[in-house]
Amino acid sequence: MLRPRASDRRPTESRRISRELLHALHDVSGMKLVRIAEDVIFSLNETLKSRFGVGHIQLTVLVIVGLHQPISLTAVARQSRMDKAWISRTIQGLVGRGLLARTKHPTDRRGSLLSLSPAGEELLCDMAAVTLHHQERLLKGLRKRQVKQILDILMIRAEEMLRTASRDGIA
């Protein structure tokens, strides 16, 4: 493991980081995973927007609503791990396009519940084929079992890191 040299750690005003340490930071697996995820999301987003007029964030919301309907906006934001205001604007757009249906919440007068509309279900069916093909291209050459193992390990490690980061005061 590459560790910072003493020269990288001296407390001076003109402190400089070595190229070696910069390259090590650039190659950190977390940063690589983020770059990979951004590239994959960008290419999927471009495909979805050009074919369906809907991007990956709208797809995420539609899938979450489809899986948990009827569901509140707050629950969608929590499930997606996205900002509630951002999700609210996304949902407004999806309702406006007739892809989501909004009904009154049975116990909360101020709240509402979301469900897929028939048009939303139809769009999701069309988007599924494109999205699954995108995934197949990404994972070409790997067996389903290998993919499952890799993703399961990464999810377990990520969850562990989230738990320990907040406990250790890192996050």
C-alpha atoms as a PDB file:
ATOM      1  CA  MET A   1       0.000   0.000   0.000  1.00  0.00           C
ATOM      2  CA  LEU A   2       1.338   3.426  -0.921  1.00  0.00           C
ATOM      3  CA  ARG A   3       1.636   5.727   2.056  1.00  0.00           C
ATOM      4  CA  PRO A   4       2.293   9.458   2.034  1.00  0.00           C
ATOM      5  CA  ARG A   5       5.995  10.254   2.359  1.00  0.00           C
ATOM      6  CA  ALA A   6       7.207  12.525   5.115  1.00  0.00           C
ATOM      7  CA  SER A   7       7.705  15.227   2.485  1.00  0.00           C
ATOM      8  CA  ASP A   8       3.986  14.940   1.619  1.00  0.00           C
ATOM      9  CA  ARG A   9       3.055  15.500   5.260  1.00  0.00           C
ATOM     10  CA  ARG A  10       5.236  18.395   6.384  1.00  0.00           C
ATOM     11  CA  PRO A  11       3.179  21.278   7.752  1.00  0.00           C
ATOM     12  CA  THR A  12       4.457  24.135   5.622  1.00  0.00           C
ATOM     13  CA  GLU A  13       2.632  26.772   3.663  1.00  0.00           C
ATOM     14  CA  SER A  14       4.211  25.583   0.412  1.00  0.00           C
ATOM     15  CA  ARG A  15       3.218  21.980   0.987  1.00  0.00           C
ATOM     16  CA  ARG A  16       3.185  20.023  -2.284  1.00  0.00           C
ATOM     17  CA  ILE A  17       1.750  16.604  -2.967  1.00  0.00           C
ATOM     18  CA  SER A  18       3.859  14.178  -4.981  1.00  0.00           C
ATOM     19  CA  ARG A  19       2.772  12.998  -8.435  1.00  0.00           C
ATOM     20  CA  GLU A  20       3.045   9.448  -7.113  1.00  0.00           C
ATOM     21  CA  LEU A  21       0.511  10.148  -4.380  1.00  0.00           C
ATOM     22  CA  LEU A  22      -1.766  11.950  -6.858  1.00  0.00           C
ATOM     23  CA  HIS A  23      -1.691   8.906  -9.132  1.00  0.00           C
ATOM     24  CA  ALA A  24      -2.411   6.662  -6.153  1.00  0.00           C
ATOM     25  CA  LEU A  25      -5.437   8.797  -5.245  1.00  0.00           C
ATOM     26  CA  HIS A  26      -6.581   8.768  -8.864  1.00  0.00           C
ATOM     27  CA  ASP A  27      -6.433   4.969  -8.856  1.00  0.00           C
ATOM     28  CA  VAL A  28      -8.325   4.481  -5.569  1.00  0.00           C
ATOM     29  CA  SER A  29     -11.006   1.862  -6.213  1.00  0.00           C
ATOM     30  CA  GLY A  30     -13.793   4.115  -4.938  1.00  0.00           C
ATOM     31  CA  MET A  31     -12.863   6.834  -7.409  1.00  0.00           C
ATOM     32  CA  LYS A  32     -12.630   4.288 -10.213  1.00  0.00           C
ATOM     33  CA  LEU A  33     -16.047   2.915  -9.313  1.00  0.00           C
ATOM     34  CA  VAL A  34     -17.514   6.418  -9.363  1.00  0.00           C
ATOM     35  CA  ARG A  35     -15.987   7.101 -12.781  1.00  0.00           C
ATOM     36  CA  ILE A  36     -17.289   3.778 -14.107  1.00  0.00           C
ATOM     37  CA  ALA A  37     -20.752   4.465 -12.680  1.00  0.00           C
ATOM     38  CA  GLU A  38     -20.782   7.972 -14.176  1.00  0.00           C
ATOM     39  CA  ASP A  39     -19.811   6.630 -17.616  1.00  0.00           C
ATOM     40  CA  VAL A  40     -22.421   3.879 -17.471  1.00  0.00           C
ATOM     41  CA  ILE A  41     -25.122   6.270 -16.265  1.00  0.00           C
ATOM     42  CA  PHE A  42     -24.197   8.859 -18.905  1.00  0.00           C
ATOM     43  CA  SER A  43     -24.438   6.355 -21.753  1.00  0.00           C
ATOM     44  CA  LEU A  44     -27.703   4.900 -20.428  1.00  0.00           C
ATOM     45  CA  ASN A  45     -29.085   8.390 -19.863  1.00  0.00           C
ATOM     46  CA  GLU A  46     -28.287   9.461 -23.431  1.00  0.00           C
ATOM     47  CA  THR A  47     -29.949   6.327 -24.831  1.00  0.00           C
ATOM     48  CA  LEU A  48     -33.071   6.695 -22.672  1.00  0.00           C
ATOM     49  CA  LYS A  49     -33.458  10.410 -23.370  1.00  0.00           C
ATOM     50  CA  SER A  50     -33.078  10.001 -27.123  1.00  0.00           C
ATOM     51  CA  ARG A  51     -35.465   7.036 -27.332  1.00  0.00           C
ATOM     52  CA  PHE A  52     -38.022   7.804 -24.627  1.00  0.00           C
ATOM     53  CA  GLY A  53     -37.496  11.376 -23.451  1.00  0.00           C
ATOM     54  CA  VAL A  54     -36.795  10.077 -19.945  1.00  0.00           C
ATOM     55  CA  GLY A  55     -33.437   9.878 -18.183  1.00  0.00           C
ATOM     56  CA  HIS A  56     -32.023   7.541 -15.563  1.00  0.00           C
ATOM     57  CA  ILE A  57     -33.366   9.565 -12.624  1.00  0.00           C
ATOM     58  CA  GLN A  58     -36.908   9.353 -13.983  1.00  0.00           C
ATOM     59  CA  LEU A  59     -36.329   5.637 -14.649  1.00  0.00           C
ATOM     60  CA  THR A  60     -35.194   5.183 -11.050  1.00  0.00           C
ATOM     61  CA  VAL A  61     -38.321   6.929  -9.739  1.00  0.00           C
ATOM     62  CA  LEU A  62     -40.623   4.922 -12.034  1.00  0.00           C
ATOM     63  CA  VAL A  63     -39.035   1.631 -10.935  1.00  0.00           C
ATOM     64  CA  ILE A  64     -39.235   2.529  -7.229  1.00  0.00           C
ATOM     65  CA  VAL A  65     -42.872   3.561  -7.573  1.00  0.00           C
ATOM     66  CA  GLY A  66     -43.627   0.397  -9.546  1.00  0.00           C
ATOM     67  CA  LEU A  67     -42.038  -1.812  -6.904  1.00  0.00           C
ATOM     68  CA  HIS A  68     -43.626  -0.127  -3.873  1.00  0.00           C
ATOM     69  CA  GLN A  69     -46.876   1.413  -5.129  1.00  0.00           C
ATOM     70  CA  PRO A  70     -48.720   3.119  -3.693  1.00  0.00           C
ATOM     71  CA  ILE A  71     -45.775   5.045  -2.217  1.00  0.00           C
ATOM     72  CA  SER A  72     -45.245   8.529  -0.798  1.00  0.00           C
ATOM     73  CA  LEU A  73     -42.825  11.079  -2.206  1.00  0.00           C
ATOM     74  CA  THR A  74     -40.796  10.894   1.017  1.00  0.00           C
ATOM     75  CA  ALA A  75     -40.448   7.136   0.665  1.00  0.00           C
ATOM     76  CA  VAL A  76     -39.356   7.504  -2.975  1.00  0.00           C
ATOM     77  CA  ALA A  77     -36.674  10.006  -1.908  1.00  0.00           C
ATOM     78  CA  ARG A  78     -35.505   7.674   0.863  1.00  0.00           C
ATOM     79  CA  GLN A  79     -35.433   4.621  -1.435  1.00  0.00           C
ATOM     80  CA  SER A  80     -33.551   6.506  -4.155  1.00  0.00           C
ATOM     81  CA  ARG A  81     -31.160   8.222  -1.714  1.00  0.00           C
ATOM     82  CA  MET A  82     -31.780  11.456  -3.585  1.00  0.00           C
ATOM     83  CA  ASP A  83     -32.730  14.909  -2.367  1.00  0.00           C
ATOM     84  CA  LYS A  84     -36.444  15.196  -1.600  1.00  0.00           C
ATOM     85  CA  ALA A  85     -36.800  18.488  -3.514  1.00  0.00           C
ATOM     86  CA  TRP A  86     -35.117  16.943  -6.566  1.00  0.00           C
ATOM     87  CA  ILE A  87     -37.412  13.926  -6.386  1.00  0.00           C
ATOM     88  CA  SER A  88     -40.427  16.207  -5.949  1.00  0.00           C
ATOM     89  CA  ARG A  89     -39.594  18.067  -9.188  1.00  0.00           C
ATOM     90  CA  THR A  90     -38.965  14.765 -10.988  1.00  0.00           C
ATOM     91  CA  ILE A  91     -42.298  13.389  -9.797  1.00  0.00           C
ATOM     92  CA  GLN A  92     -44.118  16.577 -10.868  1.00  0.00           C
ATOM     93  CA  GLY A  93     -42.726  16.090 -14.365  1.00  0.00           C
ATOM     94  CA  LEU A  94     -43.711  12.413 -14.454  1.00  0.00           C
ATOM     95  CA  VAL A  95     -47.230  13.217 -13.208  1.00  0.00           C
ATOM     96  CA  GLY A  96     -47.449  16.003 -15.804  1.00  0.00           C
ATOM     97  CA  ARG A  97     -46.524  13.544 -18.562  1.00  0.00           C
ATOM     98  CA  GLY A  98     -49.170  11.111 -17.321  1.00  0.00           C
ATOM     99  CA  LEU A  99     -46.625   8.464 -16.290  1.00  0.00           C
ATOM    100  CA  LEU A 100     -47.465   8.570 -12.572  1.00  0.00           C
ATOM    101  CA  ALA A 101     -50.852   8.862 -10.875  1.00  0.00           C
ATOM    102  CA  ARG A 102     -51.228  10.774  -7.619  1.00  0.00           C
ATOM    103  CA  THR A 103     -53.948   9.901  -5.084  1.00  0.00           C
ATOM    104  CA  LYS A 104     -54.782  11.351  -1.673  1.00  0.00           C
ATOM    105  CA  HIS A 105     -53.045   9.741   1.273  1.00  0.00           C
ATOM    106  CA  PRO A 106     -55.639   7.924   3.432  1.00  0.00           C
ATOM    107  CA  THR A 107     -54.252   9.167   6.778  1.00  0.00           C
ATOM    108  CA  ASP A 108     -52.240  12.300   5.938  1.00  0.00           C
ATOM    109  CA  ARG A 109     -54.379  15.142   4.574  1.00  0.00           C
ATOM    110  CA  ARG A 110     -51.300  16.965   3.238  1.00  0.00           C
ATOM    111  CA  GLY A 111     -49.739  13.911   1.620  1.00  0.00           C
ATOM    112  CA  SER A 112     -50.372  11.873  -1.472  1.00  0.00           C
ATOM    113  CA  LEU A 113     -49.487   8.435  -2.773  1.00  0.00           C
ATOM    114  CA  LEU A 114     -47.956   7.645  -6.141  1.00  0.00           C
ATOM    115  CA  SER A 115     -48.632   4.768  -8.502  1.00  0.00           C
ATOM    116  CA  LEU A 116     -47.692   3.990 -12.077  1.00  0.00           C
ATOM    117  CA  SER A 117     -50.282   5.027 -14.625  1.00  0.00           C
ATOM    118  CA  PRO A 118     -51.032   2.668 -17.538  1.00  0.00           C
ATOM    119  CA  ALA A 119     -48.821   4.916 -19.712  1.00  0.00           C
ATOM    120  CA  GLY A 120     -46.046   4.677 -17.088  1.00  0.00           C
ATOM    121  CA  GLU A 121     -46.270   0.886 -17.057  1.00  0.00           C
ATOM    122  CA  GLU A 122     -46.145   0.783 -20.849  1.00  0.00           C
ATOM    123  CA  LEU A 123     -43.112   3.082 -20.945  1.00  0.00           C
ATOM    124  CA  LEU A 124     -41.320   0.980 -18.302  1.00  0.00           C
ATOM    125  CA  CYS A 125     -41.913  -2.155 -20.381  1.00  0.00           C
ATOM    126  CA  ASP A 126     -40.352  -0.458 -23.412  1.00  0.00           C
ATOM    127  CA  MET A 127     -37.453   0.935 -21.374  1.00  0.00           C
ATOM    128  CA  ALA A 128     -36.759  -2.436 -19.748  1.00  0.00           C
ATOM    129  CA  ALA A 129     -35.545  -4.039 -22.974  1.00  0.00           C
ATOM    130  CA  VAL A 130     -33.194  -1.141 -23.708  1.00  0.00           C
ATOM    131  CA  THR A 131     -31.909  -0.957 -20.121  1.00  0.00           C
ATOM    132  CA  LEU A 132     -31.321  -4.717 -19.894  1.00  0.00           C
ATOM    133  CA  HIS A 133     -29.495  -4.673 -23.248  1.00  0.00           C
ATOM    134  CA  HIS A 134     -27.311  -1.849 -21.919  1.00  0.00           C
ATOM    135  CA  GLN A 135     -26.473  -3.977 -18.877  1.00  0.00           C
ATOM    136  CA  GLU A 136     -25.676  -7.015 -21.035  1.00  0.00           C
ATOM    137  CA  ARG A 137     -23.213  -4.931 -23.067  1.00  0.00           C
ATOM    138  CA  LEU A 138     -21.552  -3.697 -19.883  1.00  0.00           C
ATOM    139  CA  LEU A 139     -21.201  -7.174 -18.385  1.00  0.00           C
ATOM    140  CA  LYS A 140     -20.338  -9.010 -21.593  1.00  0.00           C
ATOM    141  CA  GLY A 141     -17.964 -11.900 -20.916  1.00  0.00           C
ATOM    142  CA  LEU A 142     -19.025 -12.386 -17.297  1.00  0.00           C
ATOM    143  CA  ARG A 143     -21.266 -15.186 -16.118  1.00  0.00           C
ATOM    144  CA  LYS A 144     -24.432 -14.251 -14.217  1.00  0.00           C
ATOM    145  CA  ARG A 145     -23.027 -15.944 -11.124  1.00  0.00           C
ATOM    146  CA  GLN A 146     -19.838 -13.858 -11.310  1.00  0.00           C
ATOM    147  CA  VAL A 147     -21.823 -10.651 -11.675  1.00  0.00           C
ATOM    148  CA  LYS A 148     -24.011 -11.545  -8.697  1.00  0.00           C
ATOM    149  CA  GLN A 149     -20.947 -12.334  -6.563  1.00  0.00           C
ATOM    150  CA  ILE A 150     -19.174  -9.100  -7.481  1.00  0.00           C
ATOM    151  CA  LEU A 151     -22.250  -6.949  -6.868  1.00  0.00           C
ATOM    152  CA  ASP A 152     -23.102  -8.734  -3.609  1.00  0.00           C
ATOM    153  CA  ILE A 153     -19.563  -8.234  -2.285  1.00  0.00           C
ATOM    154  CA  LEU A 154     -19.519  -4.564  -3.306  1.00  0.00           C
ATOM    155  CA  MET A 155     -22.931  -3.948  -1.682  1.00  0.00           C
ATOM    156  CA  ILE A 156     -21.854  -5.615   1.578  1.00  0.00           C
ATOM    157  CA  ARG A 157     -18.610  -3.632   1.700  1.00  0.00           C
ATOM    158  CA  ALA A 158     -20.353  -0.357   0.832  1.00  0.00           C
ATOM    159  CA  GLU A 159     -22.936  -0.898   3.592  1.00  0.00           C
ATOM    160  CA  GLU A 160     -20.155  -1.711   6.073  1.00  0.00           C
ATOM    161  CA  MET A 161     -18.288   1.423   5.067  1.00  0.00           C
ATOM    162  CA  LEU A 162     -21.410   3.565   5.504  1.00  0.00           C
ATOM    163  CA  ARG A 163     -22.022   2.155   8.972  1.00  0.00           C
ATOM    164  CA  THR A 164     -18.435   2.568  10.137  1.00  0.00           C
ATOM    165  CA  ALA A 165     -18.003   6.007   8.536  1.00  0.00           C
ATOM    166  CA  SER A 166     -20.820   7.490  10.587  1.00  0.00           C
ATOM    167  CA  ARG A 167     -19.741   5.616  13.710  1.00  0.00           C
ATOM    168  CA  ASP A 168     -16.087   6.693  13.365  1.00  0.00           C
ATOM    169  CA  GLY A 169     -17.029  10.272  12.526  1.00  0.00           C
ATOM    170  CA  ILE A 170     -15.729  10.045   8.970  1.00  0.00           C
ATOM    171  CA  ALA A 171     -19.042  10.854   7.286  1.00  0.00           C
END
